[in-house]
Amino acid sequence: MTESKDLIIITASCGKNLELSEKFLEKSNELKISSEILDLTTLDIPLFNPRIHNKDNIPVVIEEFKKKAFRN
């Protein structure tokens, strides 16, 4: 996650959605577009609970996702 990418391909399944993401990645590589797949199924993302999660108590995995997806 150190190198910024031009295209982040987000997938949330390990089936057809992931296959399609891999095709996008392959095509973007052919076009010399810096890209990567961000597979949400590989992350241990907690359910959001407003009683315990606020802007001062965001889980690390969510902060990492935000940095990658939104280039903070």
C-alpha atoms as a PDB file:
ATOM      1  CA  MET A   1       0.000   0.000   0.000  1.00  0.00           C
ATOM      2  CA  THR A   2       2.988   2.300  -0.358  1.00  0.00           C
ATOM      3  CA  GLU A   3       2.604   3.101  -4.043  1.00  0.00           C
ATOM      4  CA  SER A   4      -0.335   5.183  -5.250  1.00  0.00           C
ATOM      5  CA  LYS A   5      -2.377   3.582  -8.012  1.00  0.00           C
ATOM      6  CA  ASP A   6      -4.308   5.233 -10.832  1.00  0.00           C
ATOM      7  CA  LEU A   7      -7.082   2.654 -10.581  1.00  0.00           C
ATOM      8  CA  ILE A   8      -8.358   0.727  -7.555  1.00  0.00           C
ATOM      9  CA  ILE A   9     -10.641  -2.149  -8.527  1.00  0.00           C
ATOM     10  CA  ILE A  10     -12.900  -2.990  -5.580  1.00  0.00           C
ATOM     11  CA  THR A  11     -14.451  -6.423  -5.328  1.00  0.00           C
ATOM     12  CA  ALA A  12     -16.668  -7.833  -2.611  1.00  0.00           C
ATOM     13  CA  SER A  13     -17.032 -11.461  -3.607  1.00  0.00           C
ATOM     14  CA  CYS A  14     -14.797 -14.375  -4.451  1.00  0.00           C
ATOM     15  CA  GLY A  15     -16.914 -15.451  -7.429  1.00  0.00           C
ATOM     16  CA  LYS A  16     -17.854 -13.714 -10.668  1.00  0.00           C
ATOM     17  CA  ASN A  17     -17.165 -10.255  -9.223  1.00  0.00           C
ATOM     18  CA  LEU A  18     -13.562 -11.240  -8.511  1.00  0.00           C
ATOM     19  CA  GLU A  19     -13.195 -12.774 -11.984  1.00  0.00           C
ATOM     20  CA  LEU A  20     -14.407  -9.524 -13.540  1.00  0.00           C
ATOM     21  CA  SER A  21     -12.013  -7.534 -11.350  1.00  0.00           C
ATOM     22  CA  GLU A  22      -9.125  -9.689 -12.551  1.00  0.00           C
ATOM     23  CA  LYS A  23     -10.116  -8.971 -16.170  1.00  0.00           C
ATOM     24  CA  PHE A  24     -10.140  -5.232 -15.416  1.00  0.00           C
ATOM     25  CA  LEU A  25      -6.692  -5.573 -13.829  1.00  0.00           C
ATOM     26  CA  GLU A  26      -5.343  -7.461 -16.839  1.00  0.00           C
ATOM     27  CA  LYS A  27      -6.724  -4.887 -19.290  1.00  0.00           C
ATOM     28  CA  SER A  28      -5.454  -1.951 -17.247  1.00  0.00           C
ATOM     29  CA  ASN A  29      -1.976  -3.528 -17.192  1.00  0.00           C
ATOM     30  CA  GLU A  30      -2.115  -3.870 -20.990  1.00  0.00           C
ATOM     31  CA  LEU A  31      -2.980  -0.150 -21.168  1.00  0.00           C
ATOM     32  CA  LYS A  32      -0.095   0.706 -18.803  1.00  0.00           C
ATOM     33  CA  ILE A  33      -2.496   1.932 -16.103  1.00  0.00           C
ATOM     34  CA  SER A  34      -1.172   1.490 -12.581  1.00  0.00           C
ATOM     35  CA  SER A  35      -3.881  -0.533 -10.846  1.00  0.00           C
ATOM     36  CA  GLU A  36      -4.644  -3.075  -8.167  1.00  0.00           C
ATOM     37  CA  ILE A  37      -7.527  -5.124  -6.843  1.00  0.00           C
ATOM     38  CA  LEU A  38      -8.845  -4.331  -3.393  1.00  0.00           C
ATOM     39  CA  ASP A  39     -10.681  -7.497  -2.342  1.00  0.00           C
ATOM     40  CA  LEU A  40     -12.996  -6.685   0.556  1.00  0.00           C
ATOM     41  CA  THR A  41     -13.440 -10.397   1.302  1.00  0.00           C
ATOM     42  CA  THR A  42      -9.817 -10.561   2.475  1.00  0.00           C
ATOM     43  CA  LEU A  43     -10.247  -7.788   5.051  1.00  0.00           C
ATOM     44  CA  ASP A  44     -11.455  -8.313   8.593  1.00  0.00           C
ATOM     45  CA  ILE A  45     -13.862  -5.374   8.495  1.00  0.00           C
ATOM     46  CA  PRO A  46     -16.003  -4.989  11.612  1.00  0.00           C
ATOM     47  CA  LEU A  47     -19.661  -4.080  11.434  1.00  0.00           C
ATOM     48  CA  PHE A  48     -20.194  -0.390  12.081  1.00  0.00           C
ATOM     49  CA  ASN A  49     -21.589   0.302  15.528  1.00  0.00           C
ATOM     50  CA  PRO A  50     -22.205   4.006  16.281  1.00  0.00           C
ATOM     51  CA  ARG A  51     -22.062   3.296  20.011  1.00  0.00           C
ATOM     52  CA  ILE A  52     -18.385   2.355  19.818  1.00  0.00           C
ATOM     53  CA  HIS A  53     -17.160   3.725  16.483  1.00  0.00           C
ATOM     54  CA  ASN A  54     -16.720   7.437  15.993  1.00  0.00           C
ATOM     55  CA  LYS A  55     -14.182   9.623  14.205  1.00  0.00           C
ATOM     56  CA  ASP A  56     -11.744   9.151  17.117  1.00  0.00           C
ATOM     57  CA  ASN A  57     -12.188   5.371  17.314  1.00  0.00           C
ATOM     58  CA  ILE A  58     -11.983   4.078  13.741  1.00  0.00           C
ATOM     59  CA  PRO A  59     -10.586   0.522  13.391  1.00  0.00           C
ATOM     60  CA  VAL A  60      -7.133   0.318  11.797  1.00  0.00           C
ATOM     61  CA  VAL A  61      -8.388  -1.830   8.909  1.00  0.00           C
ATOM     62  CA  ILE A  62     -10.871   0.915   7.987  1.00  0.00           C
ATOM     63  CA  GLU A  63      -8.175   3.612   8.120  1.00  0.00           C
ATOM     64  CA  GLU A  64      -5.999   1.509   5.784  1.00  0.00           C
ATOM     65  CA  PHE A  65      -8.939   0.997   3.425  1.00  0.00           C
ATOM     66  CA  LYS A  66      -9.671   4.742   3.399  1.00  0.00           C
ATOM     67  CA  LYS A  67      -6.040   5.570   2.572  1.00  0.00           C
ATOM     68  CA  LYS A  68      -6.029   3.157  -0.341  1.00  0.00           C
ATOM     69  CA  ALA A  69      -9.486   3.904  -1.713  1.00  0.00           C
ATOM     70  CA  PHE A  70      -9.592   7.663  -1.186  1.00  0.00           C
ATOM     71  CA  ARG A  71      -5.885   8.616  -1.214  1.00  0.00           C
ATOM     72  CA  ASN A  72      -5.978  10.449   2.131  1.00  0.00           C
END
